[in-house]
C-alpha atoms as a PDB file:
ATOM      1  CA  MET A   1      13.659  13.745  -3.590  1.00  0.00           C
ATOM      2  CA  GLU A   2      12.010  11.956  -0.525  1.00  0.00           C
ATOM      3  CA  TRP A   3      13.816   9.256   1.319  1.00  0.00           C
ATOM      4  CA  CYS A   4      12.069   6.041   2.122  1.00  0.00           C
ATOM      5  CA  GLY A   5      14.122   4.910   5.115  1.00  0.00           C
ATOM      6  CA  VAL A   6      11.515   3.942   7.593  1.00  0.00           C
ATOM      7  CA  LEU A   7       8.106   3.481   8.079  1.00  0.00           C
ATOM      8  CA  LEU A   8       4.949   5.046   8.135  1.00  0.00           C
ATOM      9  CA  VAL A   9       1.431   4.619   8.295  1.00  0.00           C
ATOM     10  CA  VAL A  10      -1.605   5.757   9.686  1.00  0.00           C
ATOM     11  CA  LEU A  11      -4.953   6.106  10.933  1.00  0.00           C
ATOM     12  CA  LEU A  12      -5.062   9.679  10.159  1.00  0.00           C
ATOM     13  CA  TRP A  13      -7.654  11.776  12.067  1.00  0.00           C
ATOM     14  CA  GLY A  14      -9.118  14.108   9.223  1.00  0.00           C
ATOM     15  CA  SER A  15      -9.165  17.770   9.286  1.00  0.00           C
ATOM     16  CA  THR A  16     -11.300  20.304   7.541  1.00  0.00           C
ATOM     17  CA  SER A  17      -8.731  23.053   7.717  1.00  0.00           C
ATOM     18  CA  SER A  18      -8.064  24.849   4.462  1.00  0.00           C
ATOM     19  CA  ARG A  19      -4.622  25.511   2.921  1.00  0.00           C
ATOM     20  CA  THR A  20      -3.289  27.304  -0.061  1.00  0.00           C
ATOM     21  CA  VAL A  21      -3.118  25.275  -3.182  1.00  0.00           C
ATOM     22  CA  ASP A  22       0.356  24.915  -4.661  1.00  0.00           C
ATOM     23  CA  ARG A  23      -0.169  26.402  -8.257  1.00  0.00           C
ATOM     24  CA  ARG A  24       2.374  23.783  -9.599  1.00  0.00           C
ATOM     25  CA  PHE A  25      -0.259  21.069  -9.168  1.00  0.00           C
ATOM     26  CA  LEU A  26      -2.739  22.869 -11.494  1.00  0.00           C
ATOM     27  CA  THR A  27      -0.704  21.633 -14.475  1.00  0.00           C
ATOM     28  CA  GLN A  28       1.013  18.687 -12.898  1.00  0.00           C
ATOM     29  CA  ALA A  29      -2.157  16.991 -11.722  1.00  0.00           C
ATOM     30  CA  THR A  30      -4.279  17.542 -14.764  1.00  0.00           C
ATOM     31  CA  GLU A  31      -1.995  17.344 -17.856  1.00  0.00           C
ATOM     32  CA  PRO A  32      -2.899  14.626 -20.174  1.00  0.00           C
ATOM     33  CA  ARG A  33      -0.040  12.186 -20.869  1.00  0.00           C
ATOM     34  CA  THR A  34       0.575   8.566 -22.008  1.00  0.00           C
ATOM     35  CA  VAL A  35       0.637   6.542 -18.793  1.00  0.00           C
ATOM     36  CA  GLN A  36       2.949   3.522 -18.254  1.00  0.00           C
ATOM     37  CA  CYS A  37       2.399   1.322 -15.194  1.00  0.00           C
ATOM     38  CA  GLY A  38       4.882   1.276 -12.274  1.00  0.00           C
ATOM     39  CA  THR A  39       6.574   4.551 -13.207  1.00  0.00           C
ATOM     40  CA  PRO A  40       6.918   7.220 -10.509  1.00  0.00           C
ATOM     41  CA  SER A  41       6.610  10.750 -11.612  1.00  0.00           C
ATOM     42  CA  GLU A  42       9.240  11.670  -9.021  1.00  0.00           C
ATOM     43  CA  PRO A  43      12.150   9.356  -8.078  1.00  0.00           C
ATOM     44  CA  ILE A  44      11.828   7.174  -4.953  1.00  0.00           C
ATOM     45  CA  GLY A  45      14.717   7.618  -2.616  1.00  0.00           C
ATOM     46  CA  THR A  46      17.246   4.964  -1.602  1.00  0.00           C
ATOM     47  CA  SER A  47      18.032   5.463   2.026  1.00  0.00           C
ATOM     48  CA  THR A  48      18.383   2.330   3.991  1.00  0.00           C
ATOM     49  CA  SER A  49      17.877   3.694   7.440  1.00  0.00           C
ATOM     50  CA  THR A  50      16.113   1.244   9.838  1.00  0.00           C
ATOM     51  CA  SER A  51      15.323   3.822  12.666  1.00  0.00           C
ATOM     52  CA  ARG A  52      12.543   2.914  15.077  1.00  0.00           C
ATOM     53  CA  LYS A  53      11.236   6.425  14.680  1.00  0.00           C
ATOM     54  CA  ARG A  54       9.925   5.452  11.318  1.00  0.00           C
ATOM     55  CA  VAL A  55       8.236   8.290   9.630  1.00  0.00           C
ATOM     56  CA  ALA A  56       8.175  10.545  12.773  1.00  0.00           C
ATOM     57  CA  GLY A  57      11.691  11.772  11.940  1.00  0.00           C
ATOM     58  CA  GLY A  58      10.719  13.107   8.493  1.00  0.00           C
ATOM     59  CA  ASN A  59      10.175  10.346   5.975  1.00  0.00           C
ATOM     60  CA  ALA A  60       7.099  11.731   4.280  1.00  0.00           C
ATOM     61  CA  THR A  61       6.704  11.163   0.626  1.00  0.00           C
ATOM     62  CA  THR A  62       4.264  12.189  -2.112  1.00  0.00           C
ATOM     63  CA  THR A  63       1.895  10.509  -4.402  1.00  0.00           C
ATOM     64  CA  ALA A  64       4.107  11.636  -7.308  1.00  0.00           C
ATOM     65  CA  SER A  65       6.667   9.113  -6.096  1.00  0.00           C
ATOM     66  CA  PHE A  66       3.992   6.508  -5.380  1.00  0.00           C
ATOM     67  CA  PRO A  67       1.242   7.401  -7.892  1.00  0.00           C
ATOM     68  CA  TRP A  68      -0.526   4.026  -7.641  1.00  0.00           C
ATOM     69  CA  THR A  69      -1.416   4.773  -3.966  1.00  0.00           C
ATOM     70  CA  VAL A  70      -5.036   4.882  -3.032  1.00  0.00           C
ATOM     71  CA  MET A  71      -6.643   5.769   0.330  1.00  0.00           C
ATOM     72  CA  VAL A  72      -9.665   3.851   1.303  1.00  0.00           C
ATOM     73  CA  LYS A  73     -12.019   5.634   3.705  1.00  0.00           C
ATOM     74  CA  LYS A  74     -15.364   4.931   5.313  1.00  0.00           C
ATOM     75  CA  TYR A  75     -18.009   7.653   5.199  1.00  0.00           C
ATOM     76  CA  GLY A  76     -18.445   9.443   8.553  1.00  0.00           C
ATOM     77  CA  HIS A  77     -15.070   8.334   9.890  1.00  0.00           C
ATOM     78  CA  SER A  78     -12.032  10.512  10.064  1.00  0.00           C
ATOM     79  CA  ASP A  79      -9.587   7.679  10.212  1.00  0.00           C
ATOM     80  CA  VAL A  80      -8.099   5.772   7.119  1.00  0.00           C
ATOM     81  CA  ARG A  81      -9.571   2.371   6.660  1.00  0.00           C
ATOM     82  CA  CYS A  82      -6.950   1.000   4.381  1.00  0.00           C
ATOM     83  CA  GLY A  83      -4.495   1.501   1.407  1.00  0.00           C
ATOM     84  CA  ALA A  84      -4.910   0.063  -2.102  1.00  0.00           C
ATOM     85  CA  ALA A  85      -3.158   0.123  -5.490  1.00  0.00           C
ATOM     86  CA  ILE A  86      -4.472   1.160  -8.891  1.00  0.00           C
ATOM     87  CA  LEU A  87      -4.286  -1.612 -11.306  1.00  0.00           C
ATOM     88  CA  SER A  88      -6.234  -0.138 -14.294  1.00  0.00           C
ATOM     89  CA  HIS A  89      -8.697   2.545 -15.262  1.00  0.00           C
ATOM     90  CA  ARG A  90     -11.323   1.189 -12.901  1.00  0.00           C
ATOM     91  CA  LEU A  91      -9.724  -1.511 -10.881  1.00  0.00           C
ATOM     92  CA  VAL A  92      -7.951  -1.385  -7.526  1.00  0.00           C
ATOM     93  CA  LEU A  93      -6.133  -4.277  -5.674  1.00  0.00           C
ATOM     94  CA  THR A  94      -6.172  -4.363  -1.886  1.00  0.00           C
ATOM     95  CA  ALA A  95      -6.628  -6.665   1.009  1.00  0.00           C
ATOM     96  CA  ALA A  96      -9.793  -8.687   1.766  1.00  0.00           C
ATOM     97  CA  HIS A  97      -9.912  -7.953   5.515  1.00  0.00           C
ATOM     98  CA  CYS A  98     -10.308  -4.288   4.861  1.00  0.00           C
ATOM     99  CA  PHE A  99     -13.852  -5.021   4.005  1.00  0.00           C
ATOM    100  CA  ASP A 100     -14.966  -7.112   6.992  1.00  0.00           C
ATOM    101  CA  ASN A 101     -18.300  -5.474   7.839  1.00  0.00           C
ATOM    102  CA  LEU A 102     -18.045  -2.688   5.197  1.00  0.00           C
ATOM    103  CA  SER A 103     -20.241  -2.391   2.189  1.00  0.00           C
ATOM    104  CA  LYS A 104     -19.414  -0.606  -1.078  1.00  0.00           C
ATOM    105  CA  ASN A 105     -21.996   2.093  -0.197  1.00  0.00           C
ATOM    106  CA  GLU A 106     -20.140   2.887   3.061  1.00  0.00           C
ATOM    107  CA  MET A 107     -16.843   3.615   1.460  1.00  0.00           C
ATOM    108  CA  TYR A 108     -14.855   5.769  -1.014  1.00  0.00           C
ATOM    109  CA  LEU A 109     -11.385   6.102  -2.487  1.00  0.00           C
ATOM    110  CA  LEU A 110      -9.044   9.041  -2.749  1.00  0.00           C
ATOM    111  CA  THR A 111      -6.099   9.461  -4.873  1.00  0.00           C
ATOM    112  CA  GLY A 112      -3.353  12.279  -4.852  1.00  0.00           C
ATOM    113  CA  VAL A 113      -3.435  12.678  -1.014  1.00  0.00           C
ATOM    114  CA  ASP A 114       0.006  13.777   0.329  1.00  0.00           C
ATOM    115  CA  ASP A 115      -1.245  15.512   3.607  1.00  0.00           C
ATOM    116  CA  MET A 116      -4.427  14.753   5.388  1.00  0.00           C
ATOM    117  CA  ASP A 117      -4.411  18.246   6.982  1.00  0.00           C
ATOM    118  CA  GLY A 118      -5.722  19.884   3.704  1.00  0.00           C
ATOM    119  CA  TRP A 119      -7.224  19.602   0.287  1.00  0.00           C
ATOM    120  CA  ASN A 120      -5.844  20.583  -3.024  1.00  0.00           C
ATOM    121  CA  LEU A 121      -6.733  20.178  -6.694  1.00  0.00           C
ATOM    122  CA  GLN A 122      -4.653  17.052  -7.163  1.00  0.00           C
ATOM    123  CA  GLN A 123      -6.918  14.949  -4.787  1.00  0.00           C
ATOM    124  CA  LYS A 124      -9.769  13.104  -6.359  1.00  0.00           C
ATOM    125  CA  MET A 125     -12.640  10.990  -4.979  1.00  0.00           C
ATOM    126  CA  TYR A 126     -14.039   7.892  -6.427  1.00  0.00           C
ATOM    127  CA  HIS A 127     -17.008   5.740  -5.471  1.00  0.00           C
ATOM    128  CA  VAL A 128     -17.037   1.932  -5.515  1.00  0.00           C
ATOM    129  CA  SER A 129     -19.375  -0.193  -7.608  1.00  0.00           C
ATOM    130  CA  ASP A 130     -18.069  -3.704  -6.789  1.00  0.00           C
ATOM    131  CA  ILE A 131     -15.981  -5.326  -4.060  1.00  0.00           C
ATOM    132  CA  VAL A 132     -14.749  -8.814  -4.953  1.00  0.00           C
ATOM    133  CA  ILE A 133     -13.224 -10.652  -2.037  1.00  0.00           C
ATOM    134  CA  HIS A 134     -11.306 -14.015  -2.627  1.00  0.00           C
ATOM    135  CA  GLU A 135     -13.650 -16.904  -2.184  1.00  0.00           C
ATOM    136  CA  ASP A 136     -11.374 -18.697   0.135  1.00  0.00           C
ATOM    137  CA  TYR A 137     -10.343 -15.643   2.270  1.00  0.00           C
ATOM    138  CA  ASP A 138     -10.169 -16.756   5.929  1.00  0.00           C
ATOM    139  CA  SER A 139     -10.569 -13.906   8.357  1.00  0.00           C
ATOM    140  CA  THR A 140      -9.071 -15.921  11.173  1.00  0.00           C
ATOM    141  CA  THR A 141      -5.842 -17.016   9.522  1.00  0.00           C
ATOM    142  CA  MET A 142      -5.780 -14.201   7.043  1.00  0.00           C
ATOM    143  CA  LYS A 143      -5.056 -16.597   4.264  1.00  0.00           C
ATOM    144  CA  ASN A 144      -6.007 -15.534   0.701  1.00  0.00           C
ATOM    145  CA  ASP A 145      -6.132 -11.873   1.920  1.00  0.00           C
ATOM    146  CA  ILE A 146      -6.727 -10.292  -1.387  1.00  0.00           C
ATOM    147  CA  ALA A 147      -9.706  -8.254  -2.906  1.00  0.00           C
ATOM    148  CA  LEU A 148     -10.420  -6.302  -6.115  1.00  0.00           C
ATOM    149  CA  LEU A 149     -12.440  -2.992  -6.177  1.00  0.00           C
ATOM    150  CA  LYS A 150     -14.156  -1.591  -9.232  1.00  0.00           C
ATOM    151  CA  THR A 151     -15.052   2.178  -9.257  1.00  0.00           C
ATOM    152  CA  THR A 152     -18.103   3.727 -10.689  1.00  0.00           C
ATOM    153  CA  THR A 153     -15.944   5.995 -12.989  1.00  0.00           C
ATOM    154  CA  SER A 154     -12.459   5.702 -14.463  1.00  0.00           C
ATOM    155  CA  PHE A 155      -9.412   7.121 -12.656  1.00  0.00           C
ATOM    156  CA  THR A 156      -8.110  10.230 -14.053  1.00  0.00           C
ATOM    157  CA  PHE A 157      -4.509   9.227 -14.739  1.00  0.00           C
ATOM    158  CA  ASN A 158      -1.846  12.044 -14.212  1.00  0.00           C
ATOM    159  CA  SER A 159       1.348  12.446 -12.255  1.00  0.00           C
ATOM    160  CA  VAL A 160      -0.195  11.595  -8.888  1.00  0.00           C
ATOM    161  CA  ALA A 161      -2.433   8.769 -10.157  1.00  0.00           C
ATOM    162  CA  LYS A 162      -0.985   5.868 -12.208  1.00  0.00           C
ATOM    163  CA  PRO A 163      -1.377   2.032 -12.164  1.00  0.00           C
ATOM    164  CA  ILE A 164       1.151  -0.164 -10.674  1.00  0.00           C
ATOM    165  CA  CYS A 165       2.391  -3.012 -12.851  1.00  0.00           C
ATOM    166  CA  LEU A 166       1.146  -6.583 -12.239  1.00  0.00           C
ATOM    167  CA  PRO A 167       3.962  -9.082 -12.273  1.00  0.00           C
ATOM    168  CA  GLY A 168       4.018 -12.097 -14.590  1.00  0.00           C
ATOM    169  CA  ALA A 169       4.097 -15.670 -13.207  1.00  0.00           C
ATOM    170  CA  SER A 170       7.977 -15.705 -13.640  1.00  0.00           C
ATOM    171  CA  PHE A 171       8.404 -12.725 -11.689  1.00  0.00           C
ATOM    172  CA  GLN A 172      10.656 -13.591  -8.680  1.00  0.00           C
ATOM    173  CA  MET A 173      12.474 -11.821  -5.846  1.00  0.00           C
ATOM    174  CA  SER A 174      14.852 -13.364  -3.438  1.00  0.00           C
ATOM    175  CA  PRO A 175      15.470 -12.918   0.338  1.00  0.00           C
ATOM    176  CA  GLY A 176      17.477  -9.725   0.834  1.00  0.00           C
ATOM    177  CA  ASP A 177      16.165  -7.919  -2.065  1.00  0.00           C
ATOM    178  CA  VAL A 178      14.847  -4.484  -1.011  1.00  0.00           C
ATOM    179  CA  CYS A 179      11.373  -3.370  -1.952  1.00  0.00           C
ATOM    180  CA  VAL A 180       9.433  -0.191  -1.075  1.00  0.00           C
ATOM    181  CA  PHE A 181       6.041   0.516   0.593  1.00  0.00           C
ATOM    182  CA  ALA A 182       4.060   3.727   1.109  1.00  0.00           C
ATOM    183  CA  GLY A 183       1.060   4.247   3.285  1.00  0.00           C
ATOM    184  CA  TYR A 184      -1.125   6.317   5.603  1.00  0.00           C
ATOM    185  CA  GLY A 185      -0.927   4.188   8.728  1.00  0.00           C
ATOM    186  CA  ASP A 186       0.254   4.582  12.253  1.00  0.00           C
ATOM    187  CA  THR A 187       3.717   5.845  12.641  1.00  0.00           C
ATOM    188  CA  GLN A 188       4.559   5.046  16.241  1.00  0.00           C
ATOM    189  CA  GLY A 189       1.860   2.772  17.523  1.00  0.00           C
ATOM    190  CA  ILE A 190      -0.040   5.628  19.314  1.00  0.00           C
ATOM    191  CA  PRO A 191      -2.520   8.249  18.013  1.00  0.00           C
ATOM    192  CA  ALA A 192      -0.288  11.125  19.154  1.00  0.00           C
ATOM    193  CA  GLY A 193       2.449   9.681  16.857  1.00  0.00           C
ATOM    194  CA  ARG A 194       0.264   9.826  13.609  1.00  0.00           C
ATOM    195  CA  ASP A 195       2.108  11.798  10.908  1.00  0.00           C
ATOM    196  CA  ARG A 196      -0.885  12.719   8.854  1.00  0.00           C
ATOM    197  CA  LYS A 197       1.142  12.371   5.559  1.00  0.00           C
ATOM    198  CA  LEU A 198       1.876   9.855   3.103  1.00  0.00           C
ATOM    199  CA  ASN A 199       5.041   8.121   4.327  1.00  0.00           C
ATOM    200  CA  CYS A 200       7.382   5.485   2.815  1.00  0.00           C
ATOM    201  CA  MET A 201       9.959   2.844   3.833  1.00  0.00           C
ATOM    202  CA  GLN A 202      12.289   0.302   2.268  1.00  0.00           C
ATOM    203  CA  VAL A 203      12.329  -3.185   3.726  1.00  0.00           C
ATOM    204  CA  PRO A 204      14.289  -6.311   2.676  1.00  0.00           C
ATOM    205  CA  LEU A 205      12.397  -9.543   1.846  1.00  0.00           C
ATOM    206  CA  VAL A 206      12.980 -12.197   4.489  1.00  0.00           C
ATOM    207  CA  ASN A 207      13.679 -15.810   4.033  1.00  0.00           C
ATOM    208  CA  ASP A 208      10.343 -17.828   4.175  1.00  0.00           C
ATOM    209  CA  SER A 209      11.848 -20.495   6.618  1.00  0.00           C
ATOM    210  CA  LEU A 210      13.059 -17.794   8.848  1.00  0.00           C
ATOM    211  CA  CYS A 211       9.727 -16.125   9.319  1.00  0.00           C
ATOM    212  CA  ALA A 212       8.293 -19.461   9.952  1.00  0.00           C
ATOM    213  CA  GLN A 213      10.570 -20.129  13.061  1.00  0.00           C
ATOM    214  CA  SER A 214       8.878 -20.188  16.488  1.00  0.00           C
ATOM    215  CA  ASP A 215      10.957 -17.251  17.715  1.00  0.00           C
ATOM    216  CA  TRP A 216       9.907 -15.157  14.709  1.00  0.00           C
ATOM    217  CA  LEU A 217       6.305 -15.352  13.326  1.00  0.00           C
ATOM    218  CA  GLY A 218       5.920 -19.015  13.984  1.00  0.00           C
ATOM    219  CA  ALA A 219       2.822 -21.050  13.453  1.00  0.00           C
ATOM    220  CA  ASP A 220       0.719 -18.124  12.497  1.00  0.00           C
ATOM    221  CA  TYR A 221       2.959 -17.596   9.429  1.00  0.00           C
ATOM    222  CA  VAL A 222       3.250 -21.260   8.571  1.00  0.00           C
ATOM    223  CA  THR A 223      -0.438 -21.329   8.044  1.00  0.00           C
ATOM    224  CA  VAL A 224      -0.261 -18.825   5.255  1.00  0.00           C
ATOM    225  CA  ARG A 225       3.304 -19.184   3.989  1.00  0.00           C
ATOM    226  CA  ASP A 226       2.347 -20.727   0.711  1.00  0.00           C
ATOM    227  CA  VAL A 227       0.557 -17.498  -0.512  1.00  0.00           C
ATOM    228  CA  SER A 228       2.347 -15.044   1.588  1.00  0.00           C
ATOM    229  CA  ILE A 229       5.742 -13.275   1.813  1.00  0.00           C
ATOM    230  CA  CYS A 230       7.389 -11.535   4.929  1.00  0.00           C
ATOM    231  CA  ALA A 231       9.574  -8.316   4.782  1.00  0.00           C
ATOM    232  CA  GLY A 232      11.340  -6.268   7.426  1.00  0.00           C
ATOM    233  CA  TYR A 233      14.551  -5.987   9.549  1.00  0.00           C
ATOM    234  CA  ALA A 234      15.615  -8.654  12.108  1.00  0.00           C
ATOM    235  CA  ASN A 235      16.087  -5.760  14.606  1.00  0.00           C
ATOM    236  CA  GLY A 236      12.697  -4.151  13.792  1.00  0.00           C
ATOM    237  CA  GLY A 237      12.119  -0.601  12.824  1.00  0.00           C
ATOM    238  CA  ALA A 238      10.536  -0.133   9.467  1.00  0.00           C
ATOM    239  CA  ASP A 239       7.209  -1.764   9.225  1.00  0.00           C
ATOM    240  CA  ALA A 240       3.717  -1.451   8.017  1.00  0.00           C
ATOM    241  CA  CYS A 241       1.231  -0.755  10.860  1.00  0.00           C
ATOM    242  CA  SER A 242      -2.391  -0.060  11.679  1.00  0.00           C
ATOM    243  CA  GLY A 243      -4.059   1.683   8.644  1.00  0.00           C
ATOM    244  CA  ASP A 244      -1.551   0.467   6.093  1.00  0.00           C
ATOM    245  CA  SER A 245      -3.386  -2.784   5.388  1.00  0.00           C
ATOM    246  CA  GLY A 246      -4.115  -3.238   1.647  1.00  0.00           C
ATOM    247  CA  GLY A 247      -1.208  -1.035   0.508  1.00  0.00           C
ATOM    248  CA  ALA A 248       1.299  -2.312  -2.104  1.00  0.00           C
ATOM    249  CA  LEU A 249       4.740  -3.549  -1.454  1.00  0.00           C
ATOM    250  CA  VAL A 250       6.459  -2.918  -4.749  1.00  0.00           C
ATOM    251  CA  CYS A 251       9.634  -4.239  -6.198  1.00  0.00           C
ATOM    252  CA  LYS A 252      11.712  -3.881  -9.376  1.00  0.00           C
ATOM    253  CA  GLN A 253      14.223  -6.296 -10.919  1.00  0.00           C
ATOM    254  CA  SER A 254      17.526  -5.428 -12.090  1.00  0.00           C
ATOM    255  CA  GLY A 255      17.543  -3.819 -15.532  1.00  0.00           C
ATOM    256  CA  ASP A 256      13.930  -2.828 -15.225  1.00  0.00           C
ATOM    257  CA  GLN A 257      13.005   0.509 -14.230  1.00  0.00           C
ATOM    258  CA  LYS A 258       9.267  -0.246 -13.604  1.00  0.00           C
ATOM    259  CA  TYR A 259       7.885  -1.158 -10.203  1.00  0.00           C
ATOM    260  CA  TYR A 260       5.734  -4.308  -9.784  1.00  0.00           C
ATOM    261  CA  ILE A 261       3.283  -5.030  -6.934  1.00  0.00           C
ATOM    262  CA  TYR A 262       4.718  -7.949  -5.204  1.00  0.00           C
ATOM    263  CA  GLY A 263       2.876  -7.923  -1.872  1.00  0.00           C
ATOM    264  CA  ILE A 264      -0.360  -6.523  -0.334  1.00  0.00           C
ATOM    265  CA  SER A 265       0.011  -5.520   3.429  1.00  0.00           C
ATOM    266  CA  SER A 266      -2.001  -8.194   5.327  1.00  0.00           C
ATOM    267  CA  TRP A 267      -0.904  -8.563   9.079  1.00  0.00           C
ATOM    268  CA  GLY A 268       1.803  -8.360  11.577  1.00  0.00           C
ATOM    269  CA  LYS A 269       2.563  -8.815  15.240  1.00  0.00           C
ATOM    270  CA  GLY A 270       3.016  -5.378  16.652  1.00  0.00           C
ATOM    271  CA  CYS A 271       4.682  -2.687  14.504  1.00  0.00           C
ATOM    272  CA  GLY A 272       8.381  -2.713  13.848  1.00  0.00           C
ATOM    273  CA  GLU A 273       9.208  -5.288  16.609  1.00  0.00           C
ATOM    274  CA  ARG A 274      12.280  -7.381  16.623  1.00  0.00           C
ATOM    275  CA  GLN A 275      12.030 -10.518  14.531  1.00  0.00           C
ATOM    276  CA  MET A 276       8.512  -9.756  13.669  1.00  0.00           C
ATOM    277  CA  PRO A 277       8.441  -8.776   9.987  1.00  0.00           C
ATOM    278  CA  GLY A 278       5.369  -7.723   8.277  1.00  0.00           C
ATOM    279  CA  VAL A 279       3.345 -10.196   6.283  1.00  0.00           C
ATOM    280  CA  TYR A 280       2.097  -9.464   2.804  1.00  0.00           C
ATOM    281  CA  THR A 281      -0.210 -11.402   0.425  1.00  0.00           C
ATOM    282  CA  LYS A 282       2.099 -12.804  -2.356  1.00  0.00           C
ATOM    283  CA  VAL A 283       0.435 -11.330  -5.432  1.00  0.00           C
ATOM    284  CA  VAL A 284       2.085 -13.715  -7.939  1.00  0.00           C
ATOM    285  CA  SER A 285       0.269 -16.590  -6.174  1.00  0.00           C
ATOM    286  CA  PHE A 286      -3.061 -14.970  -7.302  1.00  0.00           C
ATOM    287  CA  LEU A 287      -2.449 -13.970 -10.820  1.00  0.00           C
ATOM    288  CA  ASP A 288      -5.137 -16.303 -12.271  1.00  0.00           C
ATOM    289  CA  TRP A 289      -7.570 -15.069  -9.769  1.00  0.00           C
ATOM    290  CA  VAL A 290      -6.892 -11.451 -10.424  1.00  0.00           C
ATOM    291  CA  LYS A 291      -7.155 -12.057 -14.226  1.00  0.00           C
ATOM    292  CA  ALA A 292     -10.349 -13.929 -14.006  1.00  0.00           C
ATOM    293  CA  LYS A 293     -11.997 -11.528 -11.639  1.00  0.00           C
ATOM    294  CA  SER A 294     -10.792  -8.515 -13.676  1.00  0.00           C
ATOM    295  CA  GLU A 295     -12.393  -9.997 -16.829  1.00  0.00           C
ATOM    296  CA  SER A 296     -15.728 -10.720 -14.978  1.00  0.00           C
ATOM    297  CA  LEU A 297     -15.773  -7.057 -13.866  1.00  0.00           C
ATOM    298  CA  SER A 298     -15.173  -5.721 -17.321  1.00  0.00           C
END
């Protein structure tokens, strides 16, 4: 079991080095099965560490624990552009700002990536046929930072690629509730600190009014607070960072074993700084938009 105690993320510089394929993946990654949303194939850990080392100390995880995780990349670039989450056989939910100056023909998606330093048979590539950005997305304030992608072919669902559950309108979480996040972003704020693996963290949801205080996120958060949430620790530590944008903050309610996408990583001030929690697009605020655009893409 992997432990999601701190944070992760990553602009990972790619590598063409080969590695031996773990034969266990030959069955695990290709075996047909009935797929339920929001169900990890391997348990997500429950560590509550807030170490500033984030993923550098060994908080790597796998796509079996976060099978909805998608890596967004740009052709010709070794770094990771963004994260995203599988919603259905051909739809992915992510952040609108990931596609500033990026067309569908310049990008591709990867599933099943645990380690950027090699390729194995669980990894699959998908091309994008449509990018739908929220009509009221504001690149200055980052308000309405949400987008849908449609792939040219259907995802192959298996133990390392499954959809996340979309919450209903009544789905509510409270300040202090702990949610989990996984991504490929920067791990320490410097290129030398990039971990090159999928990493995970746990973070508590923060009171909306607290994030709006001037000694926290202040006016920048006030501008987006009606469609956003903030999550992190008062003393810093675990946080999303460069390369994690678009990734899913997922939560589950008491008595429900499924995870639901509650937030989409949008922006922050630094990475893991004191009183500077990460800001996430609040998915329940956009359910009608997601439904309408999903239907238009079908």
